[in-house]
């Protein structure tokens, strides 16, 4: 039998291996309360602030990685979220939103890990890139819909622009192409396992942020 016929695509391996961590992040108390409409818009704004720190880390590093043989193929400007986040924060917090911006300790650790990977281990950066952007294109749309209905944002307008990929007209096709990039990633089997492990770690960072947000916005008994 041709062994190549039974090789599982790396995009499937990484999705399957990180499923538990992914589920734990998605079903955190904070996110469940937010999507359930049990928290106010201030909690949503605070979450959006944390995203800004994470995406600044991802996108500030992108220019240095464009020519990297591992991370370079994943650098797609149409994915960039920082400008949309800044528009959302201006809408949520006002024009001086930067003045009151603070990162939670878990967010600081998350952004620092992304920066470290971008600087010293581009394959690790890919793990964080995949975890964030493919999640935004998928489950992020559920958050957008809930936010529009719960807090009255204009459909795909200010307040939810982070979730609107205006330069990606066909998200399904884009995600297919992205998974093919993962399948062809310039890494041997050992390095691929390290990418999988870092992907799990990325979801753990997300869960830590949600825990701290839950501490700031506990539901009253």
Protein backbone atom coordinates (compact mmCIF):
# COMPACT_ATOMS: atom_id res chain seq x y z
CA UNK A 1 0.00 0.00 0.00
CA UNK A 2 1.19 3.51 -0.77
CA UNK A 3 1.75 5.10 2.63
CA UNK A 4 1.23 8.56 1.18
CA UNK A 5 -2.39 7.73 0.50
CA UNK A 6 -3.13 7.52 4.22
CA UNK A 7 -1.26 10.63 5.38
CA UNK A 8 -3.58 12.99 7.22
CA UNK A 9 -3.34 16.61 5.97
CA UNK A 10 -1.57 18.84 8.46
CA UNK A 11 -4.53 21.24 8.55
CA UNK A 12 -6.66 18.35 9.79
CA UNK A 13 -4.03 17.28 12.32
CA UNK A 14 -3.75 20.76 13.81
CA UNK A 15 -7.52 21.25 13.98
CA UNK A 16 -8.13 17.86 15.59
CA UNK A 17 -5.25 18.07 18.06
CA UNK A 18 -6.32 21.48 19.38
CA UNK A 19 -10.03 20.72 19.53
CA UNK A 20 -10.19 20.37 23.31
CA UNK A 21 -8.37 23.65 23.98
CA UNK A 22 -10.48 25.36 21.31
CA UNK A 23 -13.69 24.18 22.94
CA UNK A 24 -12.52 25.24 26.40
CA UNK A 25 -11.77 28.76 25.13
CA UNK A 26 -15.08 29.07 23.27
CA UNK A 27 -17.14 27.89 26.23
CA UNK A 28 -15.48 30.02 28.90
CA UNK A 29 -17.80 31.63 31.42
CA UNK A 30 -17.06 35.12 30.13
CA UNK A 31 -17.70 34.28 26.50
CA UNK A 32 -20.84 32.32 27.36
CA UNK A 33 -22.16 35.28 29.34
CA UNK A 34 -21.21 37.73 26.59
CA UNK A 35 -22.86 35.72 23.82
CA UNK A 36 -25.84 35.03 26.05
CA UNK A 37 -26.55 38.75 26.31
CA UNK A 38 -25.96 38.71 30.07
CA UNK A 39 -23.18 41.31 30.04
CA UNK A 40 -23.26 44.96 29.09
CA UNK A 41 -21.54 46.66 26.19
CA UNK A 42 -18.69 47.68 28.50
CA UNK A 43 -17.63 44.04 28.78
CA UNK A 44 -17.65 43.75 24.99
CA UNK A 45 -15.56 46.92 24.73
CA UNK A 46 -13.06 45.59 27.28
CA UNK A 47 -12.73 42.38 25.30
CA UNK A 48 -12.18 44.42 22.12
CA UNK A 49 -9.39 46.31 23.87
CA UNK A 50 -7.60 43.04 24.63
CA UNK A 51 -7.90 41.97 21.00
CA UNK A 52 -6.18 45.18 19.93
CA UNK A 53 -3.04 44.27 21.90
CA UNK A 54 -3.00 40.76 20.43
CA UNK A 55 -3.43 41.90 16.84
CA UNK A 56 -0.87 44.65 17.18
CA UNK A 57 1.60 41.93 18.17
CA UNK A 58 0.61 39.77 15.20
CA UNK A 59 0.61 42.55 12.63
CA UNK A 60 3.55 44.63 13.81
CA UNK A 61 5.67 41.53 13.20
CA UNK A 62 4.18 40.70 9.81
CA UNK A 63 6.43 42.99 7.78
CA UNK A 64 9.56 41.29 9.09
CA UNK A 65 8.23 37.86 8.18
CA UNK A 66 7.05 38.44 4.60
CA UNK A 67 10.14 36.77 3.15
CA UNK A 68 10.44 34.04 5.75
CA UNK A 69 10.20 30.58 4.13
CA UNK A 70 7.84 29.26 6.84
CA UNK A 71 5.72 32.23 7.93
CA UNK A 72 5.95 34.32 4.76
CA UNK A 73 3.18 32.57 2.78
CA UNK A 74 0.71 33.27 5.62
CA UNK A 75 1.25 37.03 5.68
CA UNK A 76 -1.91 38.26 3.94
CA UNK A 77 -2.71 41.97 4.39
CA UNK A 78 -6.39 41.32 3.65
CA UNK A 79 -6.53 39.60 7.04
CA UNK A 80 -5.13 42.50 9.07
CA UNK A 81 -7.48 43.51 11.89
CA UNK A 82 -5.77 46.36 13.79
CA UNK A 83 -7.28 49.21 11.71
CA UNK A 84 -10.78 47.74 12.09
CA UNK A 85 -10.24 47.28 15.84
CA UNK A 86 -9.21 50.92 16.13
CA UNK A 87 -12.39 52.04 14.41
CA UNK A 88 -14.42 49.84 16.73
CA UNK A 89 -12.66 51.19 19.81
CA UNK A 90 -13.19 54.79 18.71
CA UNK A 91 -16.90 53.97 18.42
CA UNK A 92 -17.01 52.12 21.75
CA UNK A 93 -14.74 54.34 23.85
CA UNK A 94 -14.63 57.66 22.03
CA UNK A 95 -11.89 59.46 20.16
CA UNK A 96 -9.45 59.32 23.08
CA UNK A 97 -9.78 55.55 23.47
CA UNK A 98 -6.02 55.09 23.64
CA UNK A 99 -5.81 57.15 26.84
CA UNK A 100 -7.68 54.58 28.90
CA UNK A 101 -6.39 51.48 27.17
CA UNK A 102 -4.94 48.81 29.45
CA UNK A 103 -3.93 45.21 28.81
CA UNK A 104 -4.82 42.49 31.27
CA UNK A 105 -1.84 40.47 32.60
CA UNK A 106 -2.95 37.48 30.51
CA UNK A 107 -3.10 39.71 27.42
CA UNK A 108 0.42 41.01 28.09
CA UNK A 109 1.70 37.42 28.29
CA UNK A 110 -0.20 36.43 25.12
CA UNK A 111 1.14 39.35 23.08
CA UNK A 112 4.65 38.78 24.41
CA UNK A 113 4.57 35.15 23.30
CA UNK A 114 3.44 36.14 19.80
CA UNK A 115 6.26 38.69 19.60
CA UNK A 116 8.77 36.12 20.85
CA UNK A 117 7.69 33.60 18.22
CA UNK A 118 7.81 36.21 15.47
CA UNK A 119 11.34 37.15 16.52
CA UNK A 120 12.83 33.72 17.20
CA UNK A 121 10.56 31.00 15.78
CA UNK A 122 8.46 31.82 12.70
CA UNK A 123 6.74 28.41 12.76
CA UNK A 124 5.39 29.26 16.20
CA UNK A 125 4.10 32.54 14.80
CA UNK A 126 2.16 30.50 12.22
CA UNK A 127 0.43 28.63 15.06
CA UNK A 128 -0.80 31.91 16.55
CA UNK A 129 -1.71 33.28 13.12
CA UNK A 130 -3.84 30.23 12.36
CA UNK A 131 -5.52 30.21 15.76
CA UNK A 132 -6.57 33.83 15.53
CA UNK A 133 -7.44 34.54 11.92
CA UNK A 134 -9.19 31.33 11.00
CA UNK A 135 -11.18 31.63 14.19
CA UNK A 136 -12.21 35.17 13.26
CA UNK A 137 -13.38 34.03 9.86
CA UNK A 138 -15.43 31.24 11.43
CA UNK A 139 -16.75 31.57 14.98
CA UNK A 140 -16.09 35.30 14.99
CA UNK A 141 -19.15 35.75 12.80
CA UNK A 142 -21.33 34.39 15.59
CA UNK A 143 -19.94 37.06 17.93
CA UNK A 144 -20.64 39.78 15.34
CA UNK A 145 -24.25 38.68 14.93
CA UNK A 146 -24.81 38.52 18.69
CA UNK A 147 -23.19 41.93 19.22
CA UNK A 148 -25.35 43.56 16.56
CA UNK A 149 -28.51 42.16 18.06
CA UNK A 150 -27.59 42.65 21.72
CA UNK A 151 -26.16 46.18 21.63
CA UNK A 152 -27.70 47.57 18.47
CA UNK A 153 -24.62 48.05 16.33
CA UNK A 154 -25.27 48.69 12.66
CA UNK A 155 -24.92 45.51 10.64
CA UNK A 156 -21.22 45.12 9.81
CA UNK A 157 -20.71 48.70 11.01
CA UNK A 158 -18.81 50.55 13.71
CA UNK A 159 -18.44 48.40 16.79
CA UNK A 160 -18.20 45.11 14.88
CA UNK A 161 -15.84 45.97 12.03
CA UNK A 162 -13.23 43.65 13.52
CA UNK A 163 -15.39 40.73 12.37
CA UNK A 164 -15.96 42.10 8.86
CA UNK A 165 -13.34 41.05 6.30
CA UNK A 166 -14.15 43.47 3.51
CA UNK A 167 -11.21 42.32 1.39
CA UNK A 168 -12.21 38.65 1.59
CA UNK A 169 -15.39 38.30 -0.47
CA UNK A 170 -15.46 34.50 -0.21
CA UNK A 171 -14.42 33.40 3.30
CA UNK A 172 -15.05 29.72 2.57
CA UNK A 173 -12.67 29.75 -0.39
CA UNK A 174 -10.12 31.75 1.59
CA UNK A 175 -10.20 29.24 4.45
CA UNK A 176 -9.72 26.40 1.95
CA UNK A 177 -6.66 28.14 0.52
CA UNK A 178 -5.33 28.80 4.00
CA UNK A 179 -5.66 25.14 4.97
CA UNK A 180 -3.78 24.20 1.81
CA UNK A 181 -1.00 26.55 2.92
CA UNK A 182 -0.90 24.70 6.23
CA UNK A 183 -0.72 21.38 4.42
CA UNK A 184 2.33 22.65 2.50
CA UNK A 185 4.02 24.40 5.43
CA UNK A 186 7.80 24.31 5.18
CA UNK A 187 8.40 22.13 8.24
CA UNK A 188 9.38 18.55 8.99
CA UNK A 189 7.30 16.23 11.17
CA UNK A 190 9.01 17.24 14.41
CA UNK A 191 8.50 20.91 13.66
CA UNK A 192 4.87 20.28 12.76
CA UNK A 193 4.34 18.69 16.15
CA UNK A 194 5.85 21.78 17.76
CA UNK A 195 3.42 23.94 15.74
CA UNK A 196 0.52 21.82 17.01
CA UNK A 197 1.74 22.25 20.59
CA UNK A 198 2.01 26.01 20.13
CA UNK A 199 -1.49 26.09 18.69
CA UNK A 200 -2.75 24.45 21.88
CA UNK A 201 -0.78 27.01 23.85
CA UNK A 202 -2.42 29.82 21.88
CA UNK A 203 -5.87 28.60 22.88
CA UNK A 204 -4.67 28.40 26.50
CA UNK A 205 -3.62 32.06 26.27
CA UNK A 206 -7.10 32.89 25.00
CA UNK A 207 -8.68 31.02 27.88
CA UNK A 208 -6.50 32.91 30.36
CA UNK A 209 -7.67 36.23 28.92
CA UNK A 210 -11.29 35.10 29.21
CA UNK A 211 -10.75 34.07 32.84
CA UNK A 212 -9.39 37.50 33.70
CA UNK A 213 -12.21 39.22 31.84
CA UNK A 214 -14.63 37.03 33.79
CA UNK A 215 -13.02 38.29 36.98
CA UNK A 216 -13.63 41.89 35.91
CA UNK A 217 -17.22 41.20 34.83
CA UNK A 218 -18.68 38.64 37.23
CA UNK A 219 -22.40 38.15 36.93
CA UNK A 220 -24.27 39.27 40.01
CA UNK A 221 -25.94 36.41 41.87
